[in-house]
Protein backbone atom coordinates (compact mmCIF):
# COMPACT_ATOMS: atom_id res chain seq x y z
CA MET A 1 41.13 -4.23 -49.45
CA HIS A 2 38.09 -6.14 -48.39
CA ASN A 3 35.69 -7.61 -50.94
CA PRO A 4 31.96 -6.63 -50.32
CA ILE A 5 30.59 -9.28 -52.57
CA PRO A 6 30.34 -12.24 -50.16
CA LEU A 7 28.65 -10.04 -47.52
CA THR A 8 26.23 -8.74 -50.22
CA LEU A 9 25.45 -12.24 -51.31
CA ALA A 10 24.88 -13.44 -47.66
CA ILE A 11 22.39 -10.72 -47.15
CA LEU A 12 20.58 -11.36 -50.26
CA MET A 13 20.31 -15.13 -49.62
CA ALA A 14 18.81 -14.49 -46.10
CA PHE A 15 15.67 -13.18 -48.03
CA ILE A 16 15.33 -15.88 -50.56
CA PRO A 17 13.65 -19.21 -49.48
CA PHE A 18 16.26 -21.78 -49.69
CA SER A 19 15.44 -24.80 -51.70
CA LEU A 20 17.92 -27.73 -50.77
CA ALA A 21 16.72 -30.69 -52.82
CA ASN A 22 18.44 -33.45 -54.77
CA TRP A 23 16.72 -36.00 -57.12
CA SER A 24 17.13 -39.65 -56.79
CA SER A 25 15.54 -42.44 -58.72
CA GLY A 26 11.86 -41.98 -58.98
CA LYS A 27 11.47 -38.95 -56.71
CA ALA A 28 8.60 -36.77 -57.58
CA ALA A 29 8.40 -34.36 -54.50
CA GLN A 30 10.54 -33.28 -51.73
CA ILE A 31 9.15 -31.38 -48.57
CA ASN A 32 11.90 -29.78 -46.34
CA PHE A 33 11.75 -28.72 -42.62
CA TYR A 34 13.64 -25.84 -41.22
CA THR A 35 14.45 -24.64 -37.66
CA ASP A 36 14.06 -21.00 -38.64
CA THR A 37 10.83 -19.12 -39.81
CA HIS A 38 12.19 -18.24 -43.31
CA CYS A 39 12.81 -21.73 -44.83
CA SER A 40 16.70 -21.39 -44.64
CA ALA A 41 17.94 -23.43 -41.80
CA TYR A 42 17.56 -26.99 -43.18
CA ALA A 43 16.57 -29.63 -40.58
CA GLY A 44 15.37 -32.62 -42.61
CA GLU A 45 13.06 -33.87 -45.43
CA VAL A 46 10.70 -36.37 -46.78
CA ALA A 47 9.68 -37.28 -50.25
CA ALA A 48 7.05 -38.69 -52.43
CA TYR A 49 7.90 -41.16 -55.48
CA TRP A 50 6.64 -42.00 -58.81
CA ASN A 51 7.65 -45.71 -58.29
CA ALA A 52 7.10 -46.25 -54.59
CA PHE A 53 5.04 -45.26 -51.58
CA PRO A 54 3.95 -42.46 -51.18
CA ASN A 55 2.92 -41.63 -54.68
CA PRO A 56 2.01 -38.02 -55.85
CA GLY A 57 -0.98 -37.21 -57.81
CA ILE A 58 -1.61 -35.30 -61.18
CA ILE A 59 -3.47 -31.96 -60.80
CA GLY A 60 -6.64 -31.98 -63.02
CA SER A 61 -6.64 -35.77 -63.34
CA THR A 62 -9.38 -37.69 -61.28
CA ALA A 63 -7.17 -40.73 -61.51
CA GLY A 64 -3.96 -38.97 -60.59
CA ALA A 65 -5.59 -36.98 -57.70
CA ALA A 66 -7.20 -40.21 -56.41
CA LYS A 67 -3.82 -41.86 -56.52
CA ALA A 68 -2.08 -39.22 -54.57
CA GLN A 69 -1.30 -40.92 -51.33
CA CYS A 70 -1.35 -39.39 -47.80
CA PHE A 71 2.05 -39.93 -45.95
CA THR A 72 3.32 -39.00 -42.47
CA LEU A 73 5.86 -36.21 -42.28
CA ASN A 74 7.59 -36.97 -39.01
CA MET A 75 8.92 -33.40 -38.51
CA PRO A 76 11.53 -32.67 -36.09
CA GLY A 77 9.84 -31.08 -32.88
CA ASN A 78 12.09 -27.95 -33.28
CA SER A 79 10.84 -27.15 -36.85
CA GLN A 80 9.70 -23.57 -37.41
CA SER A 81 8.93 -23.74 -41.23
CA ILE A 82 8.15 -26.13 -43.95
CA ASN A 83 8.15 -25.93 -47.78
CA THR A 84 7.67 -27.92 -50.95
CA ALA A 85 11.39 -27.82 -51.85
CA ALA A 86 11.17 -29.41 -55.33
CA LEU A 87 9.05 -31.26 -57.68
CA TRP A 88 10.21 -33.43 -60.58
CA GLY A 89 8.60 -34.74 -63.73
CA PHE A 90 8.11 -38.57 -64.10
CA SER A 91 11.32 -40.54 -64.57
CA THR A 92 12.80 -43.62 -62.76
CA SER A 93 16.20 -43.57 -64.44
CA THR A 94 17.41 -40.11 -65.37
CA GLU A 95 16.80 -36.84 -63.77
CA PRO A 96 13.89 -35.14 -65.28
CA GLY A 97 13.29 -31.30 -65.31
CA ARG A 98 11.65 -29.57 -62.41
CA ALA A 99 7.83 -29.68 -62.29
CA SER A 100 5.22 -27.39 -60.82
CA GLY A 101 2.53 -28.13 -58.34
CA PHE A 102 2.01 -28.12 -54.68
CA CYS A 103 1.99 -30.24 -51.40
CA THR A 104 -0.78 -29.76 -48.80
CA PHE A 105 0.04 -30.40 -45.11
CA TRP A 106 -2.38 -31.45 -42.46
CA ASP A 107 -2.27 -31.38 -38.64
CA GLY A 108 -3.96 -34.82 -38.45
CA PHE A 109 -2.15 -38.12 -39.22
CA SER A 110 -4.63 -39.09 -42.05
CA CYS A 111 -4.55 -35.95 -44.08
CA ASP A 112 -7.44 -34.38 -42.03
CA GLY A 113 -7.82 -31.38 -39.81
CA ASN A 114 -6.31 -28.03 -40.55
CA ASN A 115 -4.20 -27.72 -43.63
CA ALA A 116 -1.93 -25.31 -45.50
CA GLY A 117 -0.45 -25.59 -49.07
CA SER A 118 3.07 -24.98 -50.26
CA TYR A 119 3.53 -24.27 -53.92
CA PHE A 120 6.57 -25.03 -56.15
CA GLY A 121 7.20 -23.81 -59.65
CA THR A 122 8.33 -21.08 -61.76
CA GLY A 123 7.98 -17.47 -60.33
CA ALA A 124 10.03 -15.29 -58.00
CA ASN A 125 7.94 -16.31 -54.94
CA LEU A 126 8.18 -20.09 -55.26
CA PRO A 127 8.78 -22.37 -53.31
CA SER A 128 6.34 -20.93 -50.84
CA CYS A 129 7.50 -21.13 -47.16
CA GLN A 130 4.88 -22.08 -44.47
CA PRO A 131 5.01 -21.97 -40.76
CA ALA A 132 5.69 -25.48 -39.23
CA ARG A 133 2.40 -25.34 -37.21
CA SER A 134 -1.29 -25.04 -37.93
CA LYS A 135 -3.44 -22.29 -36.51
CA ASP A 136 -4.16 -24.61 -33.53
CA GLY A 137 -0.50 -24.94 -32.83
CA TRP A 138 0.04 -28.57 -34.04
CA LEU A 139 3.03 -29.54 -36.13
CA TRP A 140 1.98 -30.70 -39.48
CA LYS A 141 1.61 -34.48 -39.36
CA SER A 142 0.74 -35.49 -42.98
CA ALA A 143 0.84 -34.48 -46.51
CA LYS A 144 -0.23 -35.04 -50.15
CA CYS A 145 1.61 -33.72 -53.30
CA LEU A 146 0.00 -33.00 -56.64
CA LEU A 147 1.99 -32.09 -59.70
CA ASN A 148 1.00 -30.41 -63.18
């Protein structure tokens, strides 16, 4: 007798944006790149840190928003999609709980040009998956992340 559960799970997982993210000391945000258009075929990542460059900002705080640093994504050329895979609360020694917020991606190297946002937090539709290229066809080149 064959078991239909693994096939059923595989089909369901194909429709859920995949969030492959692991916390490390001081990590605040992780952005993942994928080689498919559904954020499921992981191809690489970049991160922002509470205790090292690049720093995230805090939504609603002028000082925090000003502190958010622009950083280079260096996406693989075959990337087809991108998302904010995870956000974590402040901690440099023990893994904190997940946070909510977003990262904004730009097609210019200095957080300029066309942009798109990818949200992470609670809710069935989060994290949000975005195409890897801007409306002008350029790969996203830089990002900033803001947390609640």
